[in-house]
Protein backbone atom coordinates (compact mmCIF):
# COMPACT_ATOMS: atom_id res chain seq x y z
CA MET A 1 -11.62 -13.60 16.18
CA PHE A 2 -12.17 -15.48 12.96
CA ALA A 3 -10.75 -13.89 9.84
CA TYR A 4 -12.32 -15.09 6.62
CA PRO A 5 -9.69 -17.03 4.63
CA SER A 6 -8.07 -15.31 1.71
CA HIS A 7 -7.87 -18.63 -0.11
CA SER A 8 -8.68 -22.32 0.32
CA ILE A 9 -7.56 -24.48 3.23
CA LEU A 10 -5.28 -26.44 0.89
CA ARG A 11 -3.49 -23.33 -0.28
CA GLN A 12 -3.26 -22.07 3.31
CA ARG A 13 -1.37 -25.19 4.25
CA LEU A 14 0.92 -25.10 1.23
CA LEU A 15 1.77 -21.43 1.67
CA ARG A 16 2.24 -21.84 5.38
CA ALA A 17 4.75 -24.60 4.68
CA CYS A 18 6.52 -22.34 2.19
CA PHE A 19 6.76 -19.48 4.65
CA ILE A 20 7.93 -21.80 7.42
CA ALA A 21 10.68 -22.99 5.08
CA VAL A 22 11.77 -19.40 4.53
CA LEU A 23 11.73 -18.78 8.28
CA SER A 24 13.82 -21.84 9.02
CA LEU A 25 16.30 -20.90 6.32
CA PHE A 26 16.97 -17.48 7.78
CA HIS A 27 16.20 -17.97 11.48
CA ALA A 28 19.79 -18.37 12.59
CA GLY A 29 20.89 -15.23 10.79
CA ALA A 30 17.99 -13.22 12.16
CA SER A 31 19.39 -13.49 15.69
CA ALA A 32 22.90 -12.41 14.67
CA ALA A 33 24.20 -8.85 14.36
CA PRO A 34 21.56 -6.35 13.19
CA VAL A 35 21.19 -6.10 9.43
CA VAL A 36 20.20 -2.87 7.75
CA ALA A 37 16.85 -3.54 6.12
CA PRO A 38 16.59 -2.74 2.41
CA SER A 39 14.92 0.44 1.29
CA LYS A 40 11.54 0.38 -0.41
CA ASP A 41 13.17 1.34 -3.71
CA GLU A 42 15.63 -1.56 -3.44
CA VAL A 43 12.79 -3.99 -2.88
CA LEU A 44 10.72 -2.59 -5.72
CA THR A 45 13.70 -2.83 -8.08
CA ALA A 46 14.34 -6.46 -7.13
CA MET A 47 10.69 -7.37 -7.54
CA HIS A 48 10.63 -5.78 -10.98
CA ARG A 49 13.84 -7.60 -12.07
CA ALA A 50 12.55 -10.97 -10.89
CA THR A 51 9.21 -10.42 -12.59
CA ALA A 52 10.82 -9.27 -15.83
CA PHE A 53 12.78 -12.53 -15.95
CA MET A 54 9.65 -14.61 -15.48
CA LEU A 55 7.74 -12.63 -18.09
CA GLU A 56 10.50 -12.44 -20.67
CA LYS A 57 12.27 -15.78 -20.19
CA ALA A 58 10.07 -18.29 -18.37
CA SER A 59 6.63 -17.36 -19.67
CA ASN A 60 5.15 -19.30 -22.55
CA GLU A 61 2.64 -16.88 -24.07
CA GLY A 62 1.55 -15.89 -20.57
CA GLY A 63 1.66 -19.35 -18.99
CA TYR A 64 4.14 -21.19 -16.76
CA VAL A 65 5.19 -24.61 -15.54
CA TRP A 66 6.75 -25.46 -12.15
CA PHE A 67 10.48 -25.87 -12.81
CA TYR A 68 12.97 -25.07 -15.56
CA LEU A 69 16.62 -25.89 -16.13
CA PRO A 70 18.60 -22.65 -16.53
CA ASP A 71 18.97 -23.19 -20.30
CA PHE A 72 15.26 -24.15 -20.55
CA SER A 73 16.22 -27.45 -22.19
CA ARG A 74 13.91 -29.29 -19.80
CA ARG A 75 10.90 -28.17 -17.78
CA TRP A 76 8.42 -29.84 -15.47
CA GLY A 77 5.02 -29.52 -13.95
CA GLU A 78 3.95 -32.64 -12.12
CA LEU A 79 5.47 -34.43 -15.11
CA GLU A 80 7.99 -33.30 -17.71
CA ALA A 81 6.36 -30.80 -20.04
CA LYS A 82 6.90 -29.87 -23.66
CA LYS A 83 8.10 -26.37 -24.47
CA SER A 84 4.66 -25.70 -25.95
CA MET A 85 2.89 -26.52 -22.67
CA ILE A 86 1.80 -24.58 -19.61
CA TRP A 87 0.77 -26.08 -16.27
CA ILE A 88 -2.53 -25.38 -14.53
CA GLN A 89 -2.09 -27.14 -11.18
CA PRO A 90 -0.75 -24.80 -8.46
CA PRO A 91 1.85 -23.40 -8.29
CA GLY A 92 1.34 -22.98 -12.00
CA THR A 93 -0.20 -20.42 -14.30
CA GLY A 94 -3.20 -19.39 -12.17
CA SER A 95 -0.98 -19.05 -9.10
CA MET A 96 1.29 -16.70 -11.02
CA GLY A 97 -1.73 -14.58 -11.91
CA HIS A 98 -2.66 -14.29 -8.24
CA LEU A 99 0.89 -13.26 -7.36
CA PHE A 100 0.93 -10.57 -10.04
CA LEU A 101 -2.32 -9.12 -8.70
CA ASP A 102 -0.90 -9.21 -5.17
CA ALA A 103 2.20 -7.35 -6.38
CA TYR A 104 -0.05 -4.82 -8.13
CA HIS A 105 -1.95 -4.22 -4.90
CA ALA A 106 1.27 -3.83 -2.91
CA THR A 107 2.98 -1.46 -5.35
CA GLY A 108 0.30 0.19 -7.48
CA ASP A 109 2.56 -0.49 -10.47
CA GLU A 110 0.58 -1.17 -13.65
CA TYR A 111 3.44 -3.42 -14.78
CA TYR A 112 2.09 -6.16 -12.52
CA TYR A 113 -1.48 -5.64 -13.68
CA ARG A 114 -0.31 -6.12 -17.28
CA ALA A 115 1.54 -9.25 -16.16
CA ALA A 116 -1.70 -10.54 -14.65
CA GLU A 117 -3.47 -9.80 -17.92
CA SER A 118 -0.91 -11.89 -19.81
CA VAL A 119 -1.78 -14.81 -17.52
CA ALA A 120 -5.47 -14.29 -18.24
CA VAL A 121 -4.81 -14.44 -21.98
CA ALA A 122 -3.09 -17.82 -21.55
CA LEU A 123 -5.79 -19.20 -19.28
CA ILE A 124 -8.64 -18.07 -21.53
CA ARG A 125 -6.86 -19.62 -24.50
CA GLY A 126 -6.50 -22.89 -22.57
CA GLN A 127 -9.98 -22.93 -21.04
CA HIS A 128 -11.99 -26.01 -21.96
CA PRO A 129 -15.20 -25.22 -23.87
CA SER A 130 -17.15 -26.44 -20.84
CA GLY A 131 -15.52 -23.72 -18.71
CA GLY A 132 -12.95 -25.60 -16.61
CA TRP A 133 -9.30 -26.49 -17.13
CA ASN A 134 -7.27 -29.64 -17.53
CA TYR A 135 -4.03 -30.18 -15.60
CA VAL A 136 -2.06 -28.93 -18.56
CA VAL A 137 -2.54 -26.90 -21.73
CA ASP A 138 -0.58 -27.45 -24.95
CA PHE A 139 -0.48 -24.43 -27.23
CA ALA A 140 0.79 -26.64 -30.06
CA GLY A 141 -2.69 -28.08 -30.33
CA GLU A 142 -4.78 -31.16 -29.66
CA ASP A 143 -2.56 -33.60 -31.59
CA SER A 144 0.51 -32.51 -29.65
CA LEU A 145 -1.31 -32.89 -26.33
CA ARG A 146 -2.59 -36.34 -27.26
CA GLN A 147 0.94 -37.37 -28.23
CA TRP A 148 2.23 -36.24 -24.82
CA TYR A 149 -0.46 -38.24 -23.04
CA ALA A 150 0.32 -41.30 -25.19
CA THR A 151 4.01 -41.16 -24.24
CA VAL A 152 4.96 -39.23 -21.10
CA GLY A 153 1.56 -39.50 -19.44
CA ARG A 154 0.95 -43.13 -20.32
CA ASN A 155 4.27 -44.22 -18.83
CA ALA A 156 3.97 -42.34 -15.52
CA TRP A 157 3.42 -45.40 -13.36
CA ARG A 158 2.38 -43.71 -10.13
CA LEU A 159 0.51 -40.78 -11.72
CA GLU A 160 -2.47 -42.67 -13.00
CA GLU A 161 -4.49 -39.51 -13.60
CA PHE A 162 -2.20 -38.78 -16.57
CA GLN A 163 -2.40 -42.22 -18.17
CA HIS A 164 -5.62 -41.37 -20.04
CA TYR A 165 -6.42 -38.36 -22.14
CA TYR A 166 -10.01 -37.62 -21.21
CA GLY A 167 -10.46 -34.48 -23.26
CA ASN A 168 -12.45 -32.78 -20.50
CA ALA A 169 -11.58 -30.61 -17.48
CA THR A 170 -10.70 -31.46 -13.89
CA PHE A 171 -11.26 -30.16 -10.37
CA ASP A 172 -8.32 -32.19 -9.07
CA ASP A 173 -5.54 -30.39 -7.18
CA GLY A 174 -7.38 -27.08 -7.23
CA GLY A 175 -6.34 -26.11 -10.76
CA THR A 176 -9.76 -25.12 -12.08
CA ALA A 177 -10.67 -23.31 -8.86
CA GLU A 178 -7.32 -21.48 -8.82
CA CYS A 179 -7.82 -20.20 -12.36
CA ALA A 180 -11.48 -19.35 -11.81
CA LYS A 181 -10.71 -17.33 -8.67
CA PHE A 182 -7.98 -15.48 -10.52
CA LEU A 183 -10.34 -14.51 -13.34
CA LEU A 184 -12.84 -13.34 -10.73
CA ARG A 185 -10.20 -11.16 -9.08
CA LEU A 186 -9.02 -9.76 -12.39
CA PHE A 187 -12.55 -8.87 -13.47
CA VAL A 188 -13.38 -7.26 -10.12
CA GLU A 189 -10.15 -5.23 -10.16
CA LYS A 190 -11.21 -2.89 -12.97
CA HIS A 191 -14.48 -4.45 -14.16
CA ASP A 192 -12.96 -4.95 -17.58
CA ALA A 193 -15.75 -6.56 -19.59
CA LYS A 194 -13.40 -8.65 -21.70
CA TYR A 195 -12.80 -10.99 -18.76
CA ARG A 196 -16.46 -11.54 -17.88
CA PRO A 197 -17.24 -14.21 -20.53
CA ALA A 198 -14.42 -16.51 -19.35
CA LEU A 199 -15.41 -15.94 -15.73
CA ASP A 200 -19.04 -16.73 -16.52
CA LYS A 201 -17.96 -19.92 -18.31
CA ALA A 202 -15.95 -21.00 -15.26
CA LEU A 203 -18.87 -20.26 -12.96
CA ARG A 204 -21.26 -22.16 -15.20
CA PHE A 205 -18.82 -25.10 -15.21
CA VAL A 206 -18.92 -25.30 -11.41
CA LEU A 207 -22.70 -25.01 -11.31
CA ASP A 208 -23.37 -27.45 -14.17
CA SER A 209 -21.09 -30.12 -12.72
CA GLN A 210 -22.62 -30.10 -9.22
CA TYR A 211 -24.74 -33.14 -8.42
CA ALA A 212 -28.18 -32.70 -6.86
CA VAL A 213 -26.86 -33.99 -3.55
CA GLY A 214 -24.33 -31.14 -3.52
CA GLY A 215 -21.02 -32.80 -4.39
CA TRP A 216 -18.87 -32.60 -7.49
CA PRO A 217 -17.13 -35.17 -9.72
CA GLN A 218 -13.41 -35.08 -10.17
CA ARG A 219 -13.70 -34.43 -13.92
CA PHE A 220 -16.42 -32.87 -16.08
CA PRO A 221 -18.14 -33.16 -18.52
CA LEU A 222 -18.73 -36.76 -17.48
CA MET A 223 -17.12 -39.45 -19.62
CA SER A 224 -18.41 -43.01 -19.65
CA GLU A 225 -16.24 -44.83 -22.17
CA PHE A 226 -13.10 -45.04 -20.02
CA SER A 227 -12.12 -47.79 -17.65
CA HIS A 228 -9.36 -47.51 -15.08
CA HIS A 229 -7.01 -50.49 -14.96
CA GLY A 230 -9.93 -52.78 -15.70
CA ARG A 231 -12.28 -51.07 -13.25
CA PRO A 232 -15.03 -48.51 -13.87
CA ASP A 233 -13.72 -44.99 -14.27
CA TYR A 234 -13.60 -43.20 -10.92
CA THR A 235 -13.66 -39.60 -12.16
CA PRO A 236 -17.49 -39.24 -12.09
CA PHE A 237 -17.54 -40.12 -8.38
CA ILE A 238 -18.37 -37.43 -5.85
CA THR A 239 -14.94 -36.27 -4.75
CA LEU A 240 -13.65 -34.80 -1.50
CA ASN A 241 -10.03 -35.72 -2.22
CA ASP A 242 -7.63 -32.82 -2.76
CA ASN A 243 -10.26 -30.35 -1.58
CA VAL A 244 -12.43 -30.59 -4.68
CA ALA A 245 -15.60 -29.71 -2.76
CA SER A 246 -14.08 -27.07 -0.49
CA GLU A 247 -12.34 -25.33 -3.41
CA ASN A 248 -15.59 -25.17 -5.39
CA ILE A 249 -17.56 -23.91 -2.42
CA ASP A 250 -14.91 -21.27 -1.80
CA PHE A 251 -15.08 -20.12 -5.43
CA LEU A 252 -18.87 -19.87 -5.29
CA ILE A 253 -18.68 -17.90 -2.05
CA LYS A 254 -16.18 -15.49 -3.58
CA CYS A 255 -18.43 -15.05 -6.62
CA TYR A 256 -21.37 -14.28 -4.35
CA GLN A 257 -19.14 -11.96 -2.34
CA ALA A 258 -17.89 -10.04 -5.38
CA LEU A 259 -20.82 -10.27 -7.80
CA GLY A 260 -23.77 -10.43 -5.38
CA GLU A 261 -25.53 -13.22 -7.28
CA THR A 262 -28.07 -14.69 -4.86
CA ARG A 263 -28.62 -17.70 -7.15
CA LEU A 264 -25.32 -19.04 -5.78
CA LEU A 265 -26.59 -19.39 -2.22
CA ASP A 266 -28.40 -22.66 -2.90
CA PRO A 267 -25.43 -24.46 -4.53
CA ILE A 268 -23.18 -23.16 -1.74
CA ARG A 269 -25.49 -24.59 0.90
CA ARG A 270 -25.93 -27.88 -0.97
CA GLY A 271 -22.18 -28.20 -1.26
CA MET A 272 -21.79 -27.74 2.48
CA ASP A 273 -24.65 -30.11 3.29
CA CYS A 274 -23.08 -32.85 1.16
CA TYR A 275 -20.43 -33.16 3.87
CA LEU A 276 -23.15 -34.03 6.38
CA ALA A 277 -24.69 -36.60 4.05
CA ALA A 278 -21.32 -38.18 3.25
CA GLN A 279 -20.32 -38.76 6.88
CA GLN A 280 -20.71 -42.44 7.66
CA GLY A 281 -22.81 -44.02 10.42
CA PRO A 282 -22.16 -44.05 14.16
CA GLU A 283 -19.84 -47.09 14.06
CA GLN A 284 -17.46 -45.40 11.60
CA PRO A 285 -18.34 -41.68 11.52
CA GLY A 286 -15.57 -40.70 9.12
CA TRP A 287 -15.30 -39.71 5.47
CA ALA A 288 -13.86 -41.25 2.31
CA LEU A 289 -11.90 -39.72 -0.57
CA GLN A 290 -14.78 -40.18 -2.97
CA TYR A 291 -18.29 -41.64 -3.19
CA THR A 292 -20.69 -43.24 -5.61
CA LEU A 293 -23.71 -41.12 -6.45
CA ASP A 294 -25.68 -42.79 -3.64
CA LEU A 295 -22.94 -41.66 -1.22
CA LYS A 296 -21.24 -44.99 -0.62
CA PRO A 297 -17.41 -44.84 -0.23
CA ALA A 298 -15.58 -45.71 -3.44
CA GLY A 299 -12.04 -46.25 -4.62
CA ALA A 300 -10.18 -44.15 -7.16
CA ARG A 301 -6.62 -44.74 -8.34
CA THR A 302 -5.43 -48.30 -7.76
CA TYR A 303 -3.53 -47.18 -4.65
CA GLU A 304 -6.64 -45.40 -3.34
CA PRO A 305 -8.84 -48.30 -2.24
CA CYS A 306 -12.43 -48.05 -1.12
CA GLY A 307 -12.25 -47.15 2.55
CA LEU A 308 -12.57 -44.46 5.16
CA VAL A 309 -9.66 -42.06 5.22
CA THR A 310 -8.22 -40.45 8.33
CA HIS A 311 -6.62 -37.32 6.89
CA THR A 312 -9.70 -36.67 4.76
CA THR A 313 -11.82 -37.02 7.89
CA ALA A 314 -9.62 -34.41 9.59
CA SER A 315 -9.99 -32.08 6.59
CA CYS A 316 -13.78 -32.52 6.59
CA ILE A 317 -13.86 -31.63 10.29
CA GLU A 318 -11.92 -28.45 9.52
CA ASP A 319 -14.27 -27.64 6.65
CA LEU A 320 -17.36 -28.16 8.81
CA MET A 321 -15.97 -25.80 11.45
CA GLN A 322 -15.39 -23.31 8.64
CA PHE A 323 -18.99 -23.70 7.46
CA TYR A 324 -20.16 -22.96 10.99
CA ARG A 325 -18.07 -19.79 11.03
CA LEU A 326 -19.58 -18.78 7.71
CA THR A 327 -23.21 -19.53 8.56
CA GLY A 328 -23.61 -19.77 12.33
CA ASP A 329 -25.56 -22.99 11.73
CA LYS A 330 -24.78 -25.48 14.50
CA LYS A 331 -25.75 -28.47 12.38
CA TYR A 332 -22.25 -28.34 10.90
CA LEU A 333 -20.77 -29.05 14.33
CA GLY A 334 -23.30 -31.72 15.30
CA ARG A 335 -21.38 -34.93 14.54
CA ILE A 336 -17.83 -33.64 14.77
CA PRO A 337 -17.37 -35.07 18.30
CA GLU A 338 -18.24 -38.53 16.93
CA ALA A 339 -15.64 -38.18 14.20
CA LEU A 340 -12.99 -37.04 16.69
CA ALA A 341 -13.72 -39.98 18.98
CA TRP A 342 -13.43 -42.33 16.01
CA LEU A 343 -10.10 -40.82 14.97
CA GLU A 344 -8.83 -41.32 18.49
CA LYS A 345 -9.99 -44.92 18.43
CA VAL A 346 -8.26 -45.84 15.15
CA ARG A 347 -4.78 -44.54 16.00
CA SER A 348 -1.97 -46.80 14.83
CA PRO A 349 0.00 -48.77 17.42
CA LYS A 350 3.24 -47.00 18.25
CA GLU A 351 5.31 -50.03 17.30
CA ILE A 352 4.30 -49.86 13.63
CA VAL A 353 3.66 -46.18 12.95
CA PRO A 354 6.52 -44.26 11.28
CA GLU A 355 7.97 -41.29 13.12
CA GLY A 356 5.80 -38.22 12.78
CA ARG A 357 2.70 -40.20 11.84
CA THR A 358 -0.25 -41.20 14.01
CA HIS A 359 -2.90 -42.98 11.93
CA PRO A 360 -3.35 -45.42 9.07
CA THR A 361 -4.50 -43.65 5.91
CA PHE A 362 -7.19 -46.14 4.88
CA LEU A 363 -9.57 -48.19 7.00
CA GLU A 364 -11.83 -50.89 5.65
CA VAL A 365 -15.52 -50.05 5.63
CA GLY A 366 -17.28 -52.24 8.14
CA THR A 367 -14.34 -54.00 9.81
CA GLY A 368 -12.26 -50.89 10.48
CA LYS A 369 -9.09 -52.81 9.66
CA PRO A 370 -6.16 -50.74 8.31
CA ILE A 371 -5.41 -51.09 4.59
CA TYR A 372 -1.77 -50.79 3.48
CA LEU A 373 -0.46 -50.02 0.01
CA HIS A 374 2.08 -52.04 -2.00
CA ARG A 375 3.19 -52.54 -5.57
CA ARG A 376 5.07 -55.08 -7.66
CA GLY A 377 6.61 -54.99 -11.10
CA SER A 378 8.76 -52.29 -12.66
CA ASN A 379 6.54 -50.05 -14.83
CA VAL A 380 2.97 -49.30 -15.76
CA PHE A 381 2.78 -52.13 -18.31
CA ASN A 382 3.86 -54.96 -16.03
CA GLY A 383 3.34 -53.50 -12.57
CA GLU A 384 0.34 -53.38 -10.30
CA TYR A 385 -0.70 -51.90 -6.99
CA TYR A 386 -2.32 -54.05 -4.34
CA THR A 387 -3.46 -53.72 -0.75
CA ASP A 388 -3.39 -55.92 2.33
CA GLY A 389 -3.04 -55.76 6.11
CA ASP A 390 0.77 -55.81 6.21
CA PRO A 391 2.26 -52.42 7.29
CA HIS A 392 5.74 -53.36 6.03
CA HIS A 393 7.35 -52.87 2.62
CA ILE A 394 4.78 -50.24 1.65
CA ILE A 395 4.95 -47.74 -1.21
CA THR A 396 6.58 -44.41 -0.39
CA HIS A 397 5.05 -42.09 -2.98
CA TYR A 398 1.63 -42.31 -1.30
CA GLY A 399 1.45 -42.63 2.45
CA SER A 400 -0.11 -45.59 4.22
CA PHE A 401 0.13 -43.52 7.43
CA ARG A 402 -0.84 -39.92 8.22
CA ALA A 403 -0.29 -37.36 10.95
CA VAL A 404 -3.66 -36.32 12.40
CA ASP A 405 -3.74 -33.85 15.28
CA VAL A 406 -6.91 -34.98 17.03
CA ALA A 407 -6.19 -32.91 20.14
CA GLY A 408 -5.69 -29.80 18.03
CA LEU A 409 -8.96 -30.34 16.19
CA ARG A 410 -10.77 -30.90 19.46
CA GLY A 411 -9.27 -27.73 20.90
CA ARG A 412 -10.39 -25.66 17.91
CA LEU A 413 -13.87 -27.14 18.14
CA GLU A 414 -14.18 -26.21 21.80
CA LYS A 415 -12.89 -22.72 21.08
CA ILE A 416 -15.45 -21.94 18.40
CA LYS A 417 -18.27 -23.54 20.41
CA ALA A 418 -17.44 -21.22 23.30
CA ALA A 419 -17.26 -18.07 21.15
CA PRO A 420 -20.35 -15.91 20.49
CA VAL A 421 -21.85 -16.77 17.12
CA SER A 422 -22.10 -13.08 16.25
CA GLU A 423 -18.35 -12.70 16.75
CA LEU A 424 -17.48 -15.77 14.69
CA THR A 425 -19.69 -14.82 11.76
CA LYS A 426 -19.28 -11.06 11.64
CA ASP A 427 -16.76 -11.24 8.78
CA SER A 428 -18.65 -13.93 6.87
CA PRO A 429 -19.26 -12.91 3.25
CA LEU A 430 -22.47 -14.95 3.37
CA LEU A 431 -23.93 -12.78 6.13
CA SER A 432 -22.47 -9.33 5.52
CA SER A 433 -20.82 -7.22 2.85
CA VAL A 434 -17.13 -8.14 2.83
CA PRO A 435 -14.74 -7.29 -0.02
CA LEU A 436 -12.51 -9.91 -1.57
CA PRO A 437 -9.18 -10.29 0.23
CA ARG A 438 -6.55 -7.91 -1.04
CA TYR A 439 -3.87 -10.61 -1.14
CA PHE A 440 -4.18 -14.28 -2.06
CA THR A 441 -0.58 -15.48 -1.74
CA LEU A 442 0.46 -14.06 1.63
CA GLY A 443 -1.41 -16.47 3.89
CA ASN A 444 -4.30 -16.20 6.32
CA PRO A 445 -3.86 -14.50 9.72
CA ASP A 446 -5.23 -17.66 11.35
CA TYR A 447 -2.52 -19.80 9.78
CA ASN A 448 0.24 -17.40 8.73
CA VAL A 449 3.50 -17.62 10.65
CA TYR A 450 3.67 -13.84 10.57
CA ASP A 451 1.94 -12.33 13.61
CA GLU A 452 0.95 -8.80 12.70
CA LYS A 453 1.00 -7.81 16.38
CA ALA A 454 4.57 -8.96 16.98
CA GLY A 455 7.00 -6.12 16.50
CA GLU A 456 9.96 -8.45 16.20
CA ASP A 457 8.61 -9.59 12.83
CA GLN A 458 9.61 -6.23 11.40
CA ALA A 459 13.24 -7.12 11.99
CA LYS A 460 12.78 -10.66 10.70
CA LEU A 461 11.04 -9.45 7.57
CA GLY A 462 13.79 -6.93 6.96
CA PHE A 463 16.44 -9.60 7.35
CA ARG A 464 14.68 -12.00 4.98
CA ALA A 465 14.09 -9.27 2.43
CA LYS A 466 17.78 -8.33 2.56
CA GLN A 467 18.78 -11.96 2.04
CA LEU A 468 16.42 -12.39 -0.89
CA LEU A 469 17.79 -9.31 -2.61
CA ALA A 470 21.30 -10.72 -2.21
CA ARG A 471 20.28 -14.12 -3.60
CA LEU A 472 18.63 -12.76 -6.75
CA ASN A 473 21.20 -13.64 -9.41
CA SER A 474 22.47 -11.56 -12.29
CA ASP A 475 19.97 -13.13 -14.69
CA GLY A 476 17.11 -12.01 -12.51
CA TYR A 477 15.90 -15.22 -10.84
CA TRP A 478 16.36 -16.94 -7.51
CA PRO A 479 18.33 -20.13 -8.21
CA VAL A 480 17.06 -23.17 -6.32
CA PRO A 481 17.92 -26.88 -6.38
CA ILE A 482 15.43 -28.76 -8.53
CA ARG A 483 15.17 -31.72 -6.21
CA TYR A 484 13.08 -33.89 -8.53
CA THR A 485 13.89 -35.12 -12.00
CA SER A 486 12.42 -37.74 -14.35
CA HIS A 487 13.41 -40.18 -17.03
CA PRO A 488 12.79 -38.63 -20.45
CA TYR A 489 10.38 -40.65 -22.53
CA THR A 490 12.26 -42.95 -24.91
CA ARG A 491 9.90 -45.90 -25.31
CA ASP A 492 6.97 -47.62 -23.66
CA GLY A 493 7.75 -49.90 -20.77
CA SER A 494 8.15 -53.63 -21.31
CA LYS A 495 5.50 -56.17 -20.34
CA GLN A 496 8.14 -58.13 -18.46
CA PRO A 497 9.49 -56.68 -15.18
CA VAL A 498 13.14 -55.77 -15.11
CA ASP A 499 15.31 -56.83 -12.19
CA GLY A 500 14.91 -54.88 -8.99
CA ASP A 501 12.45 -54.18 -6.20
CA TYR A 502 10.45 -51.04 -6.96
CA CYS A 503 7.90 -51.25 -4.17
CA GLU A 504 9.47 -48.54 -2.01
CA THR A 505 10.96 -46.36 -4.74
CA LYS A 506 9.44 -43.19 -6.20
CA VAL A 507 10.07 -44.44 -9.73
CA GLY A 508 10.16 -47.74 -11.56
CA ASP A 509 12.54 -48.75 -14.31
CA GLU A 510 14.07 -46.37 -16.83
CA THR A 511 10.86 -46.19 -18.87
CA ASP A 512 8.83 -44.82 -15.93
CA THR A 513 8.34 -41.08 -16.51
CA SER A 514 7.20 -40.37 -12.92
CA PRO A 515 9.29 -37.74 -11.11
CA PHE A 516 11.74 -38.96 -8.47
CA PRO A 517 14.31 -37.40 -6.10
CA ASP A 518 17.45 -36.26 -7.89
CA PRO A 519 20.56 -37.39 -5.96
CA SER A 520 22.54 -34.55 -7.57
CA PRO A 521 19.92 -31.86 -8.12
CA ALA A 522 20.50 -29.25 -10.78
CA VAL A 523 20.14 -25.63 -9.79
CA GLY A 524 17.40 -23.99 -11.79
CA ILE A 525 14.27 -21.85 -11.90
CA SER A 526 11.22 -22.49 -9.75
CA THR A 527 7.84 -20.85 -10.22
CA GLY A 528 6.98 -21.76 -6.64
CA ALA A 529 10.16 -20.14 -5.34
CA TYR A 530 9.40 -16.98 -7.30
CA ILE A 531 5.89 -16.83 -5.80
CA ARG A 532 7.20 -17.55 -2.31
CA ASN A 533 10.02 -15.01 -2.45
CA MET A 534 7.88 -12.31 -4.01
CA GLY A 535 5.40 -12.98 -1.22
CA VAL A 536 8.08 -12.26 1.37
CA LEU A 537 8.97 -8.98 -0.37
CA ILE A 538 5.30 -8.00 -0.66
CA GLU A 539 4.87 -8.81 3.02
CA TYR A 540 7.87 -6.61 3.78
CA LEU A 541 6.41 -3.74 1.77
CA THR A 542 3.04 -4.00 3.47
CA HIS A 543 4.66 -3.89 6.91
CA ALA A 544 7.42 -1.37 6.17
CA LYS A 545 7.01 2.02 7.79
């Protein structure tokens, strides 16, 4: 039976990976001698301690970044952040708000509702006048944010989306959708009118930015004066990359579900139908990362060339199957078999594909030839990305190969085609009255590693909860290795390359501010680890008898 997702497909995958990591960490111990599971009071006390630390020590006026050193001397989101900044991209500020609401639902403790309200204050303060959010908010003001973009952002060689300060908002990486869904949940919780204006602004942002054909740009309001490394700016293009379309559709569905606004049905349907229009012809029936407004594949960042994209095609197939479950309309399944056959056809030869991968990422429109990604130089000022047909000596921070489970997709397609439409759609919020999911950070029953029908999970949950309580340190946080670091900004990069081959490294020379693996990682504070571990404890509470 299909269970309507409690969050987007992207977040399902991320959270599933987090929970799998927790399982693998504790699996060996779970089969050892029985461990006495913690009491409910012990779990509630630990949750409160961990939350108090985040609120009192890590929070910046209600907002959060991703990682902190224990003395808070350095902190990071996707890039190193100033102390005055908060991060929007998950698992940032909006994700923390969702976790607080989940904890409130699990415990009934108003402490967590107040924590969620503190997140809302930060997000409303950082909301762009148009209604969306940028990747990052700087409470020190516009000049401080511009200075960060002109230094740290400008020198992040592989993070081209930070090299310009656009001054608008973005749908990239689910940040705007994450925050908008949180404000929706917070408003619905107690119908507190003070949250409705910000929610309405976010909803208007999603509606105003939608093109007539149904897709969305990566950034909005549209900006025309920027170029990208000498090419036209890609951010107005219709974007499927990083689940821009599916996140926006999911937000609109949740607004319809919770607010009952029938005006949202047309933009929801147009958003879904854009997938059908964007699928290419019978010779190459796949999808691209983004499109021009006449739905021709287009490039984006300089290591995202114009081409058809295998993992995006797989994601679009999953989304189309989801649209069928939501609507019962078979048109969303119509050309999936073509796309699956094409994915099977364009598999990489075994002799060149890295272990664990199956397909090239990019394929040239028309010829179908694989496109591989390279770079030369040492920083953003002297370096450049380029593409060719050579699968060797490729960049490592963005994959030239992907793992695509064609057989799994085909199996899911056959399963839903064989199921009665009435059974598949009975929990669809588009066709019946369905409340918003109670939890947003615990995973979806279709994807969650926890099987609610398996009694042995009670013991596993108890073991993991016990371990988490033991690992909570005296300061009140779960210490984790911060496996990435970055060069602090000291100066702009030189126009002459420094010695060394930086093609296969995560970072260039010492002026490159991009994050890279830390060979001796510091132990610090992780917002993602807090969310993940609190999720385990919430899961334990919801299953405890």
